[in-house]
Amino acid sequence: MVCVPCIIIPLLLYIWHKFVQPILLRYWNPWEKKDDDGNVIKKGPDFPFECKGGVCPFRSGRQEDGERQ
């Protein structure tokens, strides 16, 4: 038989991380980066580069025949 805290604590942690924490962090987030005026600094793109004009600077690990290094 499993003790009561072994069931209740994981259940409460799941409810906290799934439902309560996202709502709380929307209004109070101490880890948000802010500038000197107190405005939230928007982070850049999720990917480390941006494709501009249909050309991406990222090169895959696979090299083309004419592109030897």
N, C-alpha and C. Protein backbone atom coordinates (compact mmCIF):
# COMPACT_ATOMS: atom_id res chain seq x y z
N MET A 1 0.84 -1.19 0.00
CA MET A 1 0.00 0.00 0.00
C MET A 1 0.88 1.25 0.00
N VAL A 2 0.48 2.25 -0.75
CA VAL A 2 1.26 3.47 -0.89
C VAL A 2 0.79 4.49 0.13
N CYS A 3 1.75 5.21 0.72
CA CYS A 3 1.38 6.21 1.73
C CYS A 3 0.69 7.40 1.05
N VAL A 4 -0.09 8.12 1.80
CA VAL A 4 -0.88 9.24 1.28
C VAL A 4 0.00 10.35 0.70
N PRO A 5 1.09 10.78 1.38
CA PRO A 5 1.92 11.84 0.78
C PRO A 5 2.55 11.42 -0.56
N CYS A 6 2.78 10.14 -0.76
CA CYS A 6 3.37 9.68 -2.02
C CYS A 6 2.39 9.82 -3.18
N ILE A 7 1.14 9.98 -2.90
CA ILE A 7 0.13 10.19 -3.94
C ILE A 7 -0.22 11.68 -4.05
N ILE A 8 -0.38 12.33 -2.91
CA ILE A 8 -0.83 13.72 -2.88
C ILE A 8 0.24 14.69 -3.41
N ILE A 9 1.48 14.55 -3.01
CA ILE A 9 2.53 15.49 -3.40
C ILE A 9 2.74 15.50 -4.92
N PRO A 10 2.90 14.35 -5.59
CA PRO A 10 3.03 14.42 -7.06
C PRO A 10 1.79 14.99 -7.74
N LEU A 11 0.62 14.71 -7.21
CA LEU A 11 -0.61 15.26 -7.78
C LEU A 11 -0.65 16.78 -7.64
N LEU A 12 -0.29 17.29 -6.49
CA LEU A 12 -0.26 18.74 -6.28
C LEU A 12 0.81 19.40 -7.16
N LEU A 13 1.97 18.76 -7.29
CA LEU A 13 3.01 19.31 -8.17
C LEU A 13 2.57 19.34 -9.62
N TYR A 14 1.85 18.33 -10.06
CA TYR A 14 1.34 18.30 -11.43
C TYR A 14 0.35 19.44 -11.64
N ILE A 15 -0.57 19.62 -10.71
CA ILE A 15 -1.57 20.70 -10.81
C ILE A 15 -0.88 22.06 -10.80
N TRP A 16 0.14 22.22 -9.95
CA TRP A 16 0.88 23.49 -9.87
C TRP A 16 1.55 23.80 -11.21
N HIS A 17 2.31 22.86 -11.76
CA HIS A 17 3.07 23.11 -12.99
C HIS A 17 2.18 23.20 -14.22
N LYS A 18 1.09 22.49 -14.24
CA LYS A 18 0.23 22.46 -15.43
C LYS A 18 -0.73 23.65 -15.48
N PHE A 19 -1.28 24.06 -14.33
CA PHE A 19 -2.35 25.06 -14.33
C PHE A 19 -2.01 26.35 -13.60
N VAL A 20 -1.49 26.27 -12.39
CA VAL A 20 -1.32 27.45 -11.55
C VAL A 20 -0.10 28.28 -11.97
N GLN A 21 1.04 27.64 -12.18
CA GLN A 21 2.26 28.37 -12.48
C GLN A 21 2.16 29.21 -13.76
N PRO A 22 1.61 28.70 -14.87
CA PRO A 22 1.52 29.56 -16.07
C PRO A 22 0.66 30.81 -15.84
N ILE A 23 -0.40 30.68 -15.07
CA ILE A 23 -1.24 31.85 -14.79
C ILE A 23 -0.49 32.83 -13.90
N LEU A 24 0.20 32.33 -12.89
CA LEU A 24 0.96 33.19 -11.98
C LEU A 24 2.10 33.90 -12.71
N LEU A 25 2.81 33.19 -13.57
CA LEU A 25 3.94 33.79 -14.28
C LEU A 25 3.51 34.83 -15.30
N ARG A 26 2.26 34.79 -15.73
CA ARG A 26 1.77 35.80 -16.65
C ARG A 26 1.72 37.17 -15.98
N TYR A 27 1.43 37.20 -14.69
CA TYR A 27 1.30 38.47 -13.96
C TYR A 27 2.54 38.84 -13.16
N TRP A 28 3.30 37.85 -12.70
CA TRP A 28 4.49 38.13 -11.90
C TRP A 28 5.57 37.15 -12.30
N ASN A 29 6.57 37.65 -13.03
CA ASN A 29 7.67 36.81 -13.48
C ASN A 29 8.98 37.48 -13.10
N PRO A 30 9.62 37.03 -12.02
CA PRO A 30 10.86 37.67 -11.59
C PRO A 30 12.04 37.41 -12.52
N TRP A 31 11.93 36.47 -13.45
CA TRP A 31 13.03 36.15 -14.36
C TRP A 31 12.94 36.89 -15.67
N GLU A 32 11.90 37.70 -15.88
CA GLU A 32 11.79 38.47 -17.11
C GLU A 32 12.87 39.53 -17.14
N LYS A 33 13.46 39.72 -18.31
CA LYS A 33 14.49 40.75 -18.46
C LYS A 33 13.81 42.07 -18.77
N LYS A 34 14.22 43.11 -18.05
CA LYS A 34 13.64 44.44 -18.23
C LYS A 34 14.73 45.45 -18.45
N ASP A 35 14.40 46.53 -19.17
CA ASP A 35 15.37 47.59 -19.37
C ASP A 35 15.30 48.57 -18.20
N ASP A 36 16.01 49.68 -18.31
CA ASP A 36 16.09 50.65 -17.22
C ASP A 36 14.75 51.30 -16.90
N ASP A 37 13.86 51.40 -17.90
CA ASP A 37 12.55 52.02 -17.69
C ASP A 37 11.53 51.04 -17.12
N GLY A 38 11.89 49.76 -17.02
CA GLY A 38 10.97 48.75 -16.50
C GLY A 38 10.16 48.05 -17.57
N ASN A 39 10.46 48.32 -18.84
CA ASN A 39 9.76 47.66 -19.93
C ASN A 39 10.35 46.28 -20.17
N VAL A 40 9.51 45.33 -20.51
CA VAL A 40 9.96 43.97 -20.77
C VAL A 40 10.70 43.92 -22.09
N ILE A 41 11.88 43.30 -22.10
CA ILE A 41 12.67 43.15 -23.31
C ILE A 41 12.20 41.89 -24.02
N LYS A 42 11.78 42.07 -25.27
CA LYS A 42 11.33 40.93 -26.06
C LYS A 42 12.55 40.14 -26.50
N LYS A 43 12.48 38.83 -26.36
CA LYS A 43 13.60 38.01 -26.81
C LYS A 43 13.57 37.87 -28.31
N GLY A 44 14.71 37.52 -28.88
CA GLY A 44 14.84 37.39 -30.31
C GLY A 44 14.12 36.16 -30.82
N PRO A 45 14.43 35.78 -32.05
CA PRO A 45 13.77 34.59 -32.60
C PRO A 45 14.19 33.34 -31.84
N ASP A 46 13.30 32.34 -31.84
CA ASP A 46 13.61 31.10 -31.15
C ASP A 46 14.77 30.37 -31.82
N PHE A 47 14.88 30.54 -33.13
CA PHE A 47 15.95 29.89 -33.85
C PHE A 47 17.14 30.84 -33.87
N PRO A 48 18.37 30.37 -33.87
CA PRO A 48 19.52 31.28 -33.74
C PRO A 48 19.81 32.14 -34.96
N PHE A 49 19.03 32.03 -36.02
CA PHE A 49 19.24 32.87 -37.19
C PHE A 49 17.90 33.11 -37.86
N GLU A 50 17.87 34.07 -38.76
CA GLU A 50 16.66 34.38 -39.50
C GLU A 50 16.92 34.22 -40.99
N CYS A 51 15.95 33.69 -41.69
CA CYS A 51 16.04 33.57 -43.15
C CYS A 51 15.50 34.86 -43.76
N LYS A 52 16.29 35.50 -44.60
CA LYS A 52 15.88 36.75 -45.22
C LYS A 52 15.93 36.60 -46.74
N GLY A 53 14.88 37.01 -47.39
CA GLY A 53 14.84 36.97 -48.84
C GLY A 53 14.86 35.55 -49.40
N GLY A 54 14.39 34.59 -48.64
CA GLY A 54 14.36 33.21 -49.12
C GLY A 54 15.70 32.50 -49.02
N VAL A 55 16.71 33.14 -48.40
CA VAL A 55 18.03 32.53 -48.27
C VAL A 55 18.33 32.36 -46.79
N CYS A 56 18.66 31.14 -46.41
CA CYS A 56 19.00 30.87 -45.01
C CYS A 56 20.51 30.74 -44.87
N PRO A 57 21.10 31.38 -43.86
CA PRO A 57 22.55 31.27 -43.68
C PRO A 57 22.97 29.94 -43.10
N PHE A 58 22.04 29.13 -42.65
CA PHE A 58 22.36 27.85 -42.04
C PHE A 58 22.74 26.84 -43.11
N ARG A 59 23.81 26.13 -42.87
CA ARG A 59 24.22 25.06 -43.77
C ARG A 59 24.08 23.75 -43.02
N SER A 60 23.44 22.82 -43.63
CA SER A 60 23.28 21.52 -42.99
C SER A 60 24.62 20.79 -42.93
N GLY A 61 24.68 19.73 -42.17
CA GLY A 61 25.91 18.95 -42.05
C GLY A 61 26.30 18.28 -43.35
N ARG A 62 25.34 18.12 -44.22
CA ARG A 62 25.59 17.49 -45.52
C ARG A 62 26.14 18.53 -46.48
N GLN A 63 27.25 18.25 -47.11
CA GLN A 63 27.84 19.19 -48.06
C GLN A 63 27.48 18.80 -49.47
N GLU A 64 27.31 19.81 -50.29
CA GLU A 64 27.01 19.58 -51.70
C GLU A 64 28.31 19.18 -52.42
N ASP A 65 28.21 18.67 -53.64
CA ASP A 65 29.39 18.21 -54.37
C ASP A 65 30.39 19.34 -54.63
N GLY A 66 29.90 20.51 -55.00
CA GLY A 66 30.80 21.61 -55.33
C GLY A 66 31.25 22.41 -54.13
N GLU A 67 30.80 22.09 -52.96
CA GLU A 67 31.13 22.89 -51.76
C GLU A 67 32.00 22.07 -50.81
N ARG A 68 33.25 21.96 -51.12
CA ARG A 68 34.18 21.25 -50.25
C ARG A 68 34.95 22.25 -49.41
N GLN A 69 35.28 21.88 -48.22
CA GLN A 69 36.05 22.81 -47.37
C GLN A 69 37.45 22.29 -47.17
